[in-house]
C-alpha cells in the first residue's frame, strides 16, 4: 500500500471518528439572557431568565442549576443561589433596591455530566425610591423552604478591601523594614567583632 493511500485512509477514519464523537462532546450553551448583558433595569423584583441550547439536568431546587446576583464592585453575593427549570430555561427573581452595577452569575448541569458556569453584568437604576430589606436572590422552593446563602458555597465572594496598589505598597514596606533590620543586625555584629579585636 502506498504512503499516500495510507494517509488518505487515516484522514478519512479520523474524520469519521470526529463526526461520530461530536454530539457526545457538545455541551449545554447559554443562548440568551433576560435582561441582556449590559442592560439597564429598574430597581425592584427583577426576573432573570437564562435560555440554554438544551434542557438543564434537574438535580433538585438549589442544587446544580443556580443563578445568583453579586455586587460587581465588591464581588459580594447577595442572597442564596437558586433557579427553577422551565424547558431549556433557568429562571429566578432578584430583589434589588440599590442603584449600581451587578453581576449575574450562573451554574448549570447538562445530561452529559458537564457543568457550565459564567456571568454577565447588568446596571440597576432606582427612579422610584424602591426599598427592600432582603436584597438579592429570593430562594424559596415549592414547599416554602427557604434556602439560605450560609448553607451554600457561594458563586461569588467579597473581594479583599486591600487593592493591588495597596498590596504593592505593603509588600515594599515589608521589604524595606526587613532590609533595615538586617542592616542593624549586621552593624551590631560588626561592632562586636571590632570590639573583640581590641580587647
N, C-alpha and C. Protein backbone atom coordinates (compact mmCIF):
# COMPACT_ATOMS: atom_id res chain seq x y z
N UNK A 1 0.85 -1.19 0.00
CA UNK A 1 0.00 0.00 0.00
C UNK A 1 0.88 1.24 0.00
N UNK A 2 0.57 2.18 -0.90
CA UNK A 2 1.35 3.40 -0.99
C UNK A 2 1.13 4.27 0.23
N UNK A 3 2.14 5.14 0.50
CA UNK A 3 2.06 6.04 1.66
C UNK A 3 0.89 7.00 1.51
N UNK A 4 0.66 7.52 0.30
CA UNK A 4 -0.43 8.47 0.08
C UNK A 4 -1.79 7.83 0.36
N UNK A 5 -1.93 6.52 0.02
CA UNK A 5 -3.18 5.81 0.29
C UNK A 5 -3.37 5.63 1.79
N UNK A 6 -2.28 5.32 2.51
CA UNK A 6 -2.35 5.17 3.97
C UNK A 6 -2.79 6.48 4.63
N UNK A 7 -2.22 7.59 4.16
CA UNK A 7 -2.55 8.90 4.72
C UNK A 7 -4.02 9.22 4.47
N UNK A 8 -4.50 8.91 3.24
CA UNK A 8 -5.90 9.16 2.90
C UNK A 8 -6.83 8.35 3.80
N UNK A 9 -6.50 7.06 4.00
CA UNK A 9 -7.31 6.21 4.88
C UNK A 9 -7.31 6.72 6.32
N UNK A 10 -6.14 7.16 6.80
CA UNK A 10 -6.02 7.69 8.16
C UNK A 10 -6.89 8.93 8.34
N UNK A 11 -6.81 9.85 7.37
CA UNK A 11 -7.60 11.08 7.46
C UNK A 11 -9.10 10.80 7.39
N UNK A 12 -9.48 9.88 6.54
CA UNK A 12 -10.90 9.53 6.41
C UNK A 12 -11.42 8.91 7.70
N UNK A 13 -10.63 7.98 8.28
CA UNK A 13 -11.02 7.33 9.54
C UNK A 13 -11.10 8.35 10.68
N UNK A 14 -10.13 9.26 10.74
CA UNK A 14 -10.11 10.30 11.78
C UNK A 14 -11.33 11.21 11.65
N UNK A 15 -11.66 11.57 10.42
CA UNK A 15 -12.82 12.43 10.18
C UNK A 15 -14.11 11.78 10.63
N UNK A 16 -14.28 10.48 10.32
CA UNK A 16 -15.48 9.76 10.75
C UNK A 16 -15.56 9.68 12.28
N UNK A 17 -14.41 9.46 12.93
CA UNK A 17 -14.38 9.40 14.40
C UNK A 17 -14.80 10.73 15.01
N UNK A 18 -14.27 11.83 14.46
CA UNK A 18 -14.60 13.16 14.99
C UNK A 18 -16.07 13.49 14.79
N UNK A 19 -16.63 13.10 13.63
CA UNK A 19 -18.05 13.36 13.37
C UNK A 19 -18.93 12.57 14.31
N UNK A 20 -18.57 11.31 14.57
CA UNK A 20 -19.39 10.49 15.46
C UNK A 20 -19.26 10.93 16.91
N UNK A 21 -18.11 11.51 17.27
CA UNK A 21 -17.89 11.94 18.66
C UNK A 21 -18.46 13.32 18.93
N UNK A 22 -18.75 14.10 17.88
CA UNK A 22 -19.19 15.48 18.07
C UNK A 22 -20.40 15.64 18.97
N UNK A 23 -21.49 14.85 18.82
CA UNK A 23 -22.64 15.02 19.70
C UNK A 23 -22.30 14.77 21.16
N UNK A 24 -21.42 13.81 21.42
CA UNK A 24 -21.05 13.49 22.80
C UNK A 24 -20.24 14.60 23.43
N UNK A 25 -19.52 15.38 22.59
CA UNK A 25 -18.68 16.45 23.12
C UNK A 25 -19.44 17.76 23.27
N UNK A 26 -20.65 17.82 22.70
CA UNK A 26 -21.42 19.06 22.77
C UNK A 26 -21.90 19.29 24.19
N UNK A 27 -21.82 20.55 24.64
CA UNK A 27 -22.25 20.90 25.99
C UNK A 27 -23.39 21.90 25.90
N UNK A 28 -24.09 22.04 27.01
CA UNK A 28 -25.22 22.97 27.06
C UNK A 28 -24.69 24.40 27.03
N UNK A 29 -25.07 25.15 26.01
CA UNK A 29 -24.56 26.51 25.84
C UNK A 29 -25.63 27.54 26.15
N UNK A 30 -25.20 28.65 26.76
CA UNK A 30 -26.10 29.77 27.03
C UNK A 30 -26.37 30.50 25.72
N UNK A 31 -27.65 30.64 25.36
CA UNK A 31 -28.04 31.26 24.08
C UNK A 31 -28.50 32.71 24.28
N UNK A 32 -29.28 32.95 25.34
CA UNK A 32 -29.88 34.27 25.52
C UNK A 32 -30.13 34.52 27.00
N UNK A 33 -30.07 35.79 27.40
CA UNK A 33 -30.38 36.16 28.78
C UNK A 33 -31.38 37.31 28.79
N UNK A 34 -32.24 37.29 29.82
CA UNK A 34 -33.17 38.39 30.06
C UNK A 34 -33.07 38.76 31.54
N UNK A 35 -32.60 39.98 31.86
CA UNK A 35 -32.17 41.03 30.94
C UNK A 35 -30.89 40.65 30.21
N UNK A 36 -30.62 41.33 29.11
CA UNK A 36 -29.41 41.07 28.34
C UNK A 36 -28.20 41.63 29.06
N UNK A 37 -27.03 41.07 28.80
CA UNK A 37 -25.79 41.59 29.37
C UNK A 37 -25.60 43.05 29.01
N UNK A 38 -25.30 43.89 30.00
CA UNK A 38 -25.11 45.31 29.77
C UNK A 38 -26.38 46.13 29.83
N UNK A 39 -27.52 45.47 29.99
CA UNK A 39 -28.80 46.20 30.00
C UNK A 39 -29.00 46.94 31.32
N UNK A 40 -29.73 48.05 31.27
CA UNK A 40 -30.09 48.82 32.46
C UNK A 40 -31.55 48.51 32.82
N UNK A 41 -31.78 48.16 34.09
CA UNK A 41 -33.12 47.80 34.54
C UNK A 41 -33.50 48.63 35.76
N UNK A 42 -34.80 48.70 36.02
CA UNK A 42 -35.32 49.45 37.15
C UNK A 42 -35.25 48.59 38.42
N UNK A 43 -34.92 49.22 39.54
CA UNK A 43 -34.86 48.52 40.82
C UNK A 43 -36.22 47.91 41.14
N UNK A 44 -36.19 46.83 41.93
CA UNK A 44 -37.42 46.14 42.31
C UNK A 44 -37.22 44.65 42.20
N UNK A 45 -38.30 43.93 41.98
CA UNK A 45 -38.23 42.48 41.77
C UNK A 45 -37.90 42.27 40.29
N UNK A 46 -36.69 41.83 40.04
CA UNK A 46 -36.19 41.72 38.66
C UNK A 46 -36.15 40.25 38.25
N UNK A 47 -36.99 39.84 37.28
CA UNK A 47 -36.93 38.45 36.80
C UNK A 47 -35.69 38.22 35.94
N UNK A 48 -35.03 37.11 36.19
CA UNK A 48 -33.84 36.72 35.42
C UNK A 48 -34.16 35.41 34.70
N UNK A 49 -33.92 35.38 33.39
CA UNK A 49 -34.12 34.14 32.61
C UNK A 49 -32.88 33.88 31.77
N UNK A 50 -32.38 32.66 31.87
CA UNK A 50 -31.25 32.22 31.06
C UNK A 50 -31.73 31.09 30.16
N UNK A 51 -31.58 31.25 28.85
CA UNK A 51 -32.01 30.23 27.88
C UNK A 51 -30.81 29.47 27.35
N UNK A 52 -30.88 28.15 27.42
CA UNK A 52 -29.77 27.28 27.01
C UNK A 52 -30.14 26.47 25.76
N UNK A 53 -29.11 25.90 25.16
CA UNK A 53 -29.32 25.10 23.95
C UNK A 53 -30.01 23.78 24.25
N UNK A 54 -29.91 23.30 25.49
CA UNK A 54 -30.54 22.05 25.90
C UNK A 54 -31.19 22.24 27.27
N UNK A 55 -32.07 21.35 27.61
CA UNK A 55 -32.70 21.41 28.93
C UNK A 55 -31.68 21.03 30.01
N UNK A 56 -31.51 21.87 31.03
CA UNK A 56 -30.57 21.54 32.10
C UNK A 56 -31.00 20.27 32.84
N UNK A 57 -30.03 19.56 33.38
CA UNK A 57 -30.30 18.34 34.14
C UNK A 57 -30.86 18.72 35.50
N UNK A 58 -32.06 18.25 35.81
CA UNK A 58 -32.73 18.62 37.07
C UNK A 58 -32.12 17.84 38.23
N UNK A 59 -31.41 18.54 39.10
CA UNK A 59 -30.80 17.93 40.27
C UNK A 59 -31.49 18.33 41.57
N UNK A 60 -32.63 19.01 41.43
CA UNK A 60 -33.35 19.48 42.61
C UNK A 60 -33.12 20.97 42.83
N UNK A 61 -34.07 21.61 43.47
CA UNK A 61 -34.02 23.05 43.68
C UNK A 61 -32.82 23.42 44.56
N UNK A 62 -32.04 24.38 44.09
CA UNK A 62 -30.86 24.82 44.84
C UNK A 62 -29.66 23.92 44.68
N UNK A 63 -29.74 22.97 43.73
CA UNK A 63 -28.63 22.03 43.50
C UNK A 63 -28.28 21.99 42.02
N UNK A 64 -27.06 22.28 41.68
CA UNK A 64 -26.58 22.08 40.31
C UNK A 64 -26.91 23.20 39.34
N UNK A 65 -28.18 23.64 39.32
CA UNK A 65 -28.59 24.71 38.40
C UNK A 65 -28.91 25.95 39.23
N UNK A 66 -28.02 26.92 39.17
CA UNK A 66 -28.09 28.05 40.09
C UNK A 66 -27.93 29.38 39.37
N UNK A 67 -28.62 30.39 39.89
CA UNK A 67 -28.41 31.77 39.48
C UNK A 67 -28.22 32.59 40.75
N UNK A 68 -27.26 33.49 40.73
CA UNK A 68 -27.01 34.37 41.87
C UNK A 68 -26.73 35.76 41.36
N UNK A 69 -26.85 36.75 42.25
CA UNK A 69 -26.52 38.13 41.89
C UNK A 69 -25.50 38.64 42.89
N UNK A 70 -24.52 39.40 42.39
CA UNK A 70 -23.45 39.92 43.25
C UNK A 70 -23.19 41.37 42.91
N UNK A 71 -22.74 42.11 43.90
CA UNK A 71 -22.30 43.48 43.68
C UNK A 71 -21.05 43.43 42.80
N UNK A 72 -21.10 44.07 41.63
CA UNK A 72 -19.98 43.97 40.69
C UNK A 72 -18.72 44.60 41.23
N UNK A 73 -18.84 45.63 42.07
CA UNK A 73 -17.67 46.33 42.59
C UNK A 73 -16.94 45.52 43.66
N UNK A 74 -17.69 44.86 44.53
CA UNK A 74 -17.07 44.14 45.66
C UNK A 74 -17.02 42.63 45.47
N UNK A 75 -17.86 42.11 44.58
CA UNK A 75 -17.94 40.66 44.40
C UNK A 75 -18.83 39.98 45.41
N UNK A 76 -19.42 40.73 46.34
CA UNK A 76 -20.26 40.14 47.39
C UNK A 76 -21.56 39.62 46.80
N UNK A 77 -21.82 38.31 47.01
CA UNK A 77 -23.07 37.71 46.55
C UNK A 77 -24.20 38.14 47.47
N UNK A 78 -25.33 38.51 46.87
CA UNK A 78 -26.49 38.96 47.64
C UNK A 78 -27.54 37.86 47.65
N UNK A 79 -27.72 37.25 48.80
CA UNK A 79 -28.69 36.15 48.90
C UNK A 79 -28.11 34.83 48.42
N UNK A 80 -28.98 33.84 48.43
CA UNK A 80 -28.56 32.49 48.02
C UNK A 80 -28.55 32.38 46.49
N UNK A 81 -28.18 31.21 46.00
CA UNK A 81 -28.19 30.91 44.57
C UNK A 81 -29.23 29.83 44.31
N UNK A 82 -30.12 30.08 43.37
CA UNK A 82 -31.14 29.08 43.05
C UNK A 82 -31.75 29.41 41.69
N UNK A 83 -32.50 28.48 41.14
CA UNK A 83 -33.20 28.72 39.87
C UNK A 83 -34.23 27.62 39.66
N UNK A 84 -35.28 27.96 38.94
CA UNK A 84 -36.29 26.99 38.51
C UNK A 84 -36.00 26.62 37.06
N UNK A 85 -36.31 25.37 36.69
CA UNK A 85 -36.12 24.91 35.31
C UNK A 85 -37.46 24.88 34.60
N UNK A 86 -37.54 25.56 33.45
CA UNK A 86 -38.72 25.52 32.59
C UNK A 86 -38.23 25.23 31.18
N UNK A 87 -38.29 23.95 30.79
CA UNK A 87 -37.76 23.56 29.48
C UNK A 87 -36.27 23.82 29.42
N UNK A 88 -35.84 24.65 28.48
CA UNK A 88 -34.41 24.97 28.34
C UNK A 88 -34.01 26.21 29.13
N UNK A 89 -34.95 26.74 29.92
CA UNK A 89 -34.69 27.99 30.65
C UNK A 89 -34.45 27.77 32.14
N UNK A 90 -33.56 28.57 32.68
CA UNK A 90 -33.40 28.70 34.13
C UNK A 90 -33.94 30.07 34.49
N UNK A 91 -34.78 30.14 35.53
CA UNK A 91 -35.35 31.43 35.92
C UNK A 91 -35.24 31.63 37.42
N UNK A 92 -35.19 32.89 37.82
CA UNK A 92 -35.26 33.28 39.22
C UNK A 92 -35.67 34.74 39.28
N UNK A 93 -35.89 35.24 40.49
CA UNK A 93 -36.23 36.65 40.68
C UNK A 93 -35.33 37.22 41.75
N UNK A 94 -34.69 38.35 41.44
CA UNK A 94 -33.82 39.01 42.43
C UNK A 94 -34.46 40.32 42.87
N UNK A 95 -34.23 40.66 44.12
CA UNK A 95 -34.81 41.86 44.72
C UNK A 95 -33.69 42.86 44.98
N UNK A 96 -33.65 43.93 44.19
CA UNK A 96 -32.55 44.90 44.28
C UNK A 96 -33.11 46.32 44.38
N UNK A 97 -32.61 47.07 45.36
CA UNK A 97 -33.01 48.47 45.52
C UNK A 97 -31.86 49.43 45.22
N UNK A 98 -30.66 49.07 45.59
CA UNK A 98 -29.52 49.98 45.46
C UNK A 98 -29.09 50.08 43.99
N UNK A 99 -29.01 51.31 43.51
CA UNK A 99 -28.55 51.53 42.14
C UNK A 99 -27.08 51.17 42.02
N UNK A 100 -26.70 50.64 40.87
CA UNK A 100 -25.31 50.28 40.64
C UNK A 100 -25.17 49.15 39.65
N UNK A 101 -23.96 48.66 39.50
CA UNK A 101 -23.67 47.58 38.56
C UNK A 101 -23.65 46.26 39.31
N UNK A 102 -24.31 45.26 38.74
CA UNK A 102 -24.41 43.94 39.36
C UNK A 102 -23.98 42.86 38.38
N UNK A 103 -23.48 41.79 38.95
CA UNK A 103 -23.04 40.65 38.15
C UNK A 103 -24.05 39.51 38.37
N UNK A 104 -24.60 39.01 37.28
CA UNK A 104 -25.46 37.83 37.33
C UNK A 104 -24.58 36.62 37.06
N UNK A 105 -24.54 35.70 38.02
CA UNK A 105 -23.70 34.51 37.90
C UNK A 105 -24.58 33.27 37.74
N UNK A 106 -24.11 32.30 36.99
CA UNK A 106 -24.90 31.08 36.83
C UNK A 106 -24.00 29.84 36.82
N UNK A 107 -24.64 28.75 37.15
CA UNK A 107 -24.01 27.43 37.10
C UNK A 107 -25.09 26.47 36.64
N UNK A 108 -24.80 25.64 35.64
CA UNK A 108 -25.81 24.72 35.14
C UNK A 108 -25.20 23.36 34.82
N UNK A 109 -25.99 22.33 34.99
CA UNK A 109 -25.55 20.96 34.72
C UNK A 109 -26.31 20.42 33.51
N UNK A 110 -25.62 19.73 32.62
CA UNK A 110 -26.27 19.12 31.46
C UNK A 110 -26.22 17.61 31.60
N UNK A 111 -27.00 16.91 30.77
CA UNK A 111 -27.14 15.46 30.93
C UNK A 111 -25.88 14.67 30.60
N UNK A 112 -24.86 15.33 30.00
CA UNK A 112 -23.59 14.63 29.76
C UNK A 112 -22.66 14.74 30.97
N UNK A 113 -23.18 15.34 32.06
CA UNK A 113 -22.39 15.45 33.28
C UNK A 113 -21.53 16.70 33.34
N UNK A 114 -21.56 17.50 32.27
CA UNK A 114 -20.74 18.71 32.21
C UNK A 114 -21.42 19.84 32.98
N UNK A 115 -20.64 20.59 33.75
CA UNK A 115 -21.14 21.77 34.45
C UNK A 115 -20.58 23.02 33.81
N UNK A 116 -21.45 23.96 33.47
CA UNK A 116 -21.03 25.22 32.86
C UNK A 116 -21.27 26.36 33.85
N UNK A 117 -20.35 27.30 33.88
CA UNK A 117 -20.51 28.49 34.71
C UNK A 117 -20.23 29.73 33.88
N UNK A 118 -20.73 30.85 34.33
CA UNK A 118 -20.48 32.10 33.63
C UNK A 118 -21.12 33.26 34.36
N UNK A 119 -21.00 34.44 33.79
CA UNK A 119 -21.60 35.64 34.38
C UNK A 119 -21.74 36.73 33.33
N UNK A 120 -22.57 37.70 33.65
CA UNK A 120 -22.71 38.89 32.82
C UNK A 120 -23.16 40.04 33.71
N UNK A 121 -23.00 41.26 33.22
CA UNK A 121 -23.30 42.44 34.02
C UNK A 121 -24.62 43.09 33.63
N UNK A 122 -25.31 43.63 34.64
CA UNK A 122 -26.46 44.49 34.39
C UNK A 122 -26.30 45.74 35.27
N UNK A 123 -26.99 46.80 34.90
CA UNK A 123 -26.98 48.03 35.70
C UNK A 123 -28.38 48.28 36.24
N UNK A 124 -28.46 48.59 37.52
CA UNK A 124 -29.75 48.86 38.16
C UNK A 124 -29.84 50.36 38.46
N UNK A 125 -30.96 50.96 38.10
CA UNK A 125 -31.25 52.35 38.47
C UNK A 125 -32.49 52.33 39.37
N UNK A 126 -32.58 53.32 40.26
CA UNK A 126 -33.73 53.38 41.16
C UNK A 126 -34.36 54.77 41.05
N UNK A 127 -35.33 54.89 40.14
CA UNK A 127 -36.03 56.16 39.92
C UNK A 127 -37.35 56.23 40.69
N UNK A 128 -37.65 55.18 41.45
CA UNK A 128 -38.94 55.10 42.14
C UNK A 128 -38.79 55.08 43.66
N UNK A 129 -37.54 55.25 44.14
CA UNK A 129 -37.26 55.18 45.58
C UNK A 129 -37.67 53.82 46.16
N UNK A 130 -37.50 52.76 45.36
CA UNK A 130 -37.83 51.40 45.82
C UNK A 130 -36.91 51.01 46.97
N UNK A 131 -37.47 50.31 47.97
CA UNK A 131 -36.71 49.85 49.13
C UNK A 131 -36.94 48.35 49.33
N UNK A 132 -35.95 47.67 49.87
CA UNK A 132 -36.10 46.26 50.24
C UNK A 132 -35.26 45.96 51.46
N UNK A 133 -35.74 45.05 52.28
CA UNK A 133 -34.99 44.62 53.46
C UNK A 133 -34.19 43.36 53.18
N UNK A 134 -34.46 42.71 52.05
CA UNK A 134 -33.78 41.45 51.70
C UNK A 134 -33.23 41.52 50.28
N UNK A 135 -32.16 42.29 50.07
CA UNK A 135 -31.61 42.38 48.72
C UNK A 135 -30.99 41.05 48.28
N UNK A 136 -31.17 40.73 47.02
CA UNK A 136 -30.55 39.53 46.46
C UNK A 136 -31.56 38.57 45.90
N UNK A 137 -31.11 37.35 45.71
CA UNK A 137 -31.96 36.30 45.14
C UNK A 137 -32.92 35.78 46.20
N UNK A 138 -34.18 35.61 45.82
CA UNK A 138 -35.20 35.09 46.74
C UNK A 138 -35.37 33.61 46.47
N UNK A 139 -34.80 32.77 47.32
CA UNK A 139 -34.79 31.32 47.08
C UNK A 139 -35.73 30.60 48.02
N UNK A 140 -36.94 30.33 47.52
CA UNK A 140 -37.94 29.58 48.28
C UNK A 140 -38.48 28.49 47.36
N UNK A 141 -38.41 27.22 47.80
CA UNK A 141 -38.87 26.13 46.94
C UNK A 141 -40.40 26.00 46.98
N UNK A 142 -40.93 25.02 46.25
CA UNK A 142 -42.38 24.85 46.13
C UNK A 142 -43.04 24.54 47.46
N UNK A 143 -42.28 23.99 48.42
CA UNK A 143 -42.82 23.67 49.74
C UNK A 143 -42.67 24.82 50.73
N UNK A 144 -42.13 25.95 50.26
CA UNK A 144 -41.96 27.09 51.13
C UNK A 144 -40.66 27.08 51.92
N UNK A 145 -39.78 26.13 51.62
CA UNK A 145 -38.50 26.05 52.31
C UNK A 145 -37.55 27.10 51.75
N UNK A 146 -36.98 27.89 52.67
CA UNK A 146 -36.06 28.95 52.26
C UNK A 146 -34.64 28.41 52.21
N UNK A 147 -33.94 28.71 51.11
CA UNK A 147 -32.52 28.35 51.01
C UNK A 147 -31.71 29.57 51.45
N UNK A 148 -30.86 29.38 52.42
CA UNK A 148 -30.03 30.46 52.93
C UNK A 148 -28.66 30.42 52.28
N UNK A 149 -28.09 31.59 52.05
CA UNK A 149 -26.76 31.68 51.44
C UNK A 149 -25.71 31.00 52.30
N UNK A 150 -25.91 31.00 53.62
CA UNK A 150 -24.94 30.39 54.54
C UNK A 150 -24.88 28.87 54.41
N UNK A 151 -25.90 28.27 53.77
CA UNK A 151 -25.94 26.82 53.59
C UNK A 151 -25.33 26.37 52.27
N UNK A 152 -24.83 27.32 51.48
CA UNK A 152 -24.28 27.01 50.17
C UNK A 152 -22.85 27.52 50.04
N UNK A 153 -22.15 26.93 49.07
CA UNK A 153 -20.88 27.52 48.65
C UNK A 153 -21.23 28.62 47.65
N UNK A 154 -20.84 29.87 47.91
CA UNK A 154 -21.27 30.97 47.04
C UNK A 154 -20.64 30.89 45.65
N UNK A 155 -21.34 31.45 44.68
CA UNK A 155 -20.80 31.55 43.32
C UNK A 155 -19.86 32.75 43.21
N UNK A 156 -19.95 33.68 44.18
CA UNK A 156 -19.08 34.85 44.21
C UNK A 156 -18.82 35.23 45.66
N UNK A 157 -17.62 35.68 45.94
CA UNK A 157 -17.26 36.08 47.30
C UNK A 157 -16.75 37.51 47.31
N UNK A 158 -16.92 38.17 48.45
CA UNK A 158 -16.47 39.55 48.59
C UNK A 158 -14.96 39.61 48.48
N UNK A 159 -14.49 40.52 47.67
CA UNK A 159 -13.05 40.67 47.46
C UNK A 159 -12.43 41.37 48.65
N UNK A 160 -11.15 41.13 48.82
CA UNK A 160 -10.41 41.79 49.89
C UNK A 160 -10.44 43.30 49.68
N UNK A 161 -10.53 44.04 50.77
CA UNK A 161 -10.56 45.50 50.68
C UNK A 161 -9.20 46.08 50.30
N UNK A 162 -8.16 45.25 50.42
CA UNK A 162 -6.82 45.70 50.03
C UNK A 162 -6.67 45.54 48.52
N UNK A 163 -6.52 46.66 47.82
CA UNK A 163 -6.39 46.63 46.37
C UNK A 163 -4.97 46.26 45.96
N UNK A 164 -4.77 46.15 44.65
CA UNK A 164 -3.46 45.77 44.12
C UNK A 164 -2.40 46.80 44.48
N UNK A 165 -2.73 48.10 44.38
CA UNK A 165 -1.76 49.15 44.67
C UNK A 165 -1.39 49.16 46.15
N UNK A 166 -2.44 49.02 47.01
CA UNK A 166 -2.17 48.97 48.45
C UNK A 166 -1.30 47.76 48.79
N UNK A 167 -1.61 46.63 48.15
CA UNK A 167 -0.83 45.41 48.38
C UNK A 167 0.63 45.60 47.99
N UNK A 168 0.85 46.31 46.88
CA UNK A 168 2.21 46.59 46.42
C UNK A 168 2.96 47.42 47.45
N UNK A 169 2.30 48.47 47.96
CA UNK A 169 2.95 49.33 48.96
C UNK A 169 3.24 48.57 50.25
N UNK A 170 2.31 47.70 50.65
CA UNK A 170 2.53 46.90 51.86
C UNK A 170 3.74 45.98 51.65
N UNK A 171 3.81 45.36 50.46
CA UNK A 171 4.94 44.47 50.16
C UNK A 171 6.26 45.22 50.17
N UNK A 172 6.28 46.41 49.57
CA UNK A 172 7.50 47.22 49.57
C UNK A 172 7.88 47.61 50.99
N UNK A 173 6.86 47.94 51.80
CA UNK A 173 7.11 48.29 53.21
C UNK A 173 7.80 47.17 53.97
N UNK A 174 7.33 45.93 53.76
CA UNK A 174 7.94 44.78 54.43
C UNK A 174 9.39 44.59 53.97
N UNK A 175 9.62 44.79 52.67
CA UNK A 175 10.99 44.63 52.14
C UNK A 175 11.92 45.67 52.76
N UNK A 176 11.46 46.93 52.80
CA UNK A 176 12.28 48.00 53.39
C UNK A 176 12.54 47.72 54.87
N UNK A 177 11.49 47.34 55.59
CA UNK A 177 11.65 47.04 57.02
C UNK A 177 12.63 45.90 57.23
N UNK A 178 12.50 44.85 56.41
CA UNK A 178 13.42 43.72 56.52
C UNK A 178 14.86 44.13 56.24
N UNK A 179 15.04 45.00 55.24
CA UNK A 179 16.39 45.47 54.90
C UNK A 179 16.99 46.28 56.05
N UNK A 180 16.19 47.15 56.68
CA UNK A 180 16.67 47.97 57.79
C UNK A 180 17.07 47.09 58.97
N UNK A 181 16.21 46.12 59.31
CA UNK A 181 16.50 45.21 60.44
C UNK A 181 17.78 44.44 60.16
N UNK A 182 17.93 43.93 58.92
CA UNK A 182 19.13 43.18 58.55
C UNK A 182 20.38 44.06 58.67
N UNK A 183 20.28 45.31 58.19
CA UNK A 183 21.43 46.23 58.26
C UNK A 183 21.82 46.52 59.70
N UNK A 184 20.83 46.70 60.57
CA UNK A 184 21.11 46.96 62.00
C UNK A 184 21.80 45.76 62.64
N UNK A 185 21.31 44.55 62.34
CA UNK A 185 21.91 43.35 62.92
C UNK A 185 23.35 43.16 62.44
N UNK A 186 23.58 43.42 61.15
CA UNK A 186 24.94 43.28 60.60
C UNK A 186 25.86 44.31 61.25
N UNK A 187 25.38 45.54 61.42
CA UNK A 187 26.19 46.59 62.05
C UNK A 187 26.55 46.23 63.48
N UNK A 188 25.58 45.69 64.23
CA UNK A 188 25.84 45.29 65.62
C UNK A 188 26.87 44.16 65.68
N UNK A 189 26.71 43.21 64.76
CA UNK A 189 27.65 42.09 64.75
C UNK A 189 29.06 42.58 64.44
N UNK A 190 29.17 43.48 63.46
CA UNK A 190 30.47 44.05 63.09
C UNK A 190 31.09 44.81 64.26
N UNK A 191 30.25 45.53 64.99
CA UNK A 191 30.72 46.32 66.12
C UNK A 191 31.28 45.41 67.21
N UNK A 192 30.55 44.28 67.45
CA UNK A 192 31.03 43.31 68.46
C UNK A 192 32.36 42.71 68.05
N UNK A 193 32.49 42.38 66.76
CA UNK A 193 33.74 41.78 66.27
C UNK A 193 34.90 42.77 66.39
N UNK A 194 34.61 44.05 66.06
CA UNK A 194 35.64 45.09 66.18
C UNK A 194 36.04 45.28 67.64
N UNK A 195 35.09 45.20 68.54
CA UNK A 195 35.37 45.38 69.97
C UNK A 195 36.26 44.26 70.50
N UNK A 196 35.96 43.01 70.01
CA UNK A 196 36.76 41.86 70.45
C UNK A 196 38.20 41.97 69.97
N UNK A 197 38.43 42.58 68.80
CA UNK A 197 39.78 42.72 68.26
C UNK A 197 40.66 43.58 69.17
N UNK A 198 40.05 44.55 69.80
CA UNK A 198 40.82 45.49 70.64
C UNK A 198 40.85 45.12 72.11
N UNK A 199 40.26 43.99 72.45
CA UNK A 199 40.30 43.56 73.86
C UNK A 199 41.68 43.00 74.20
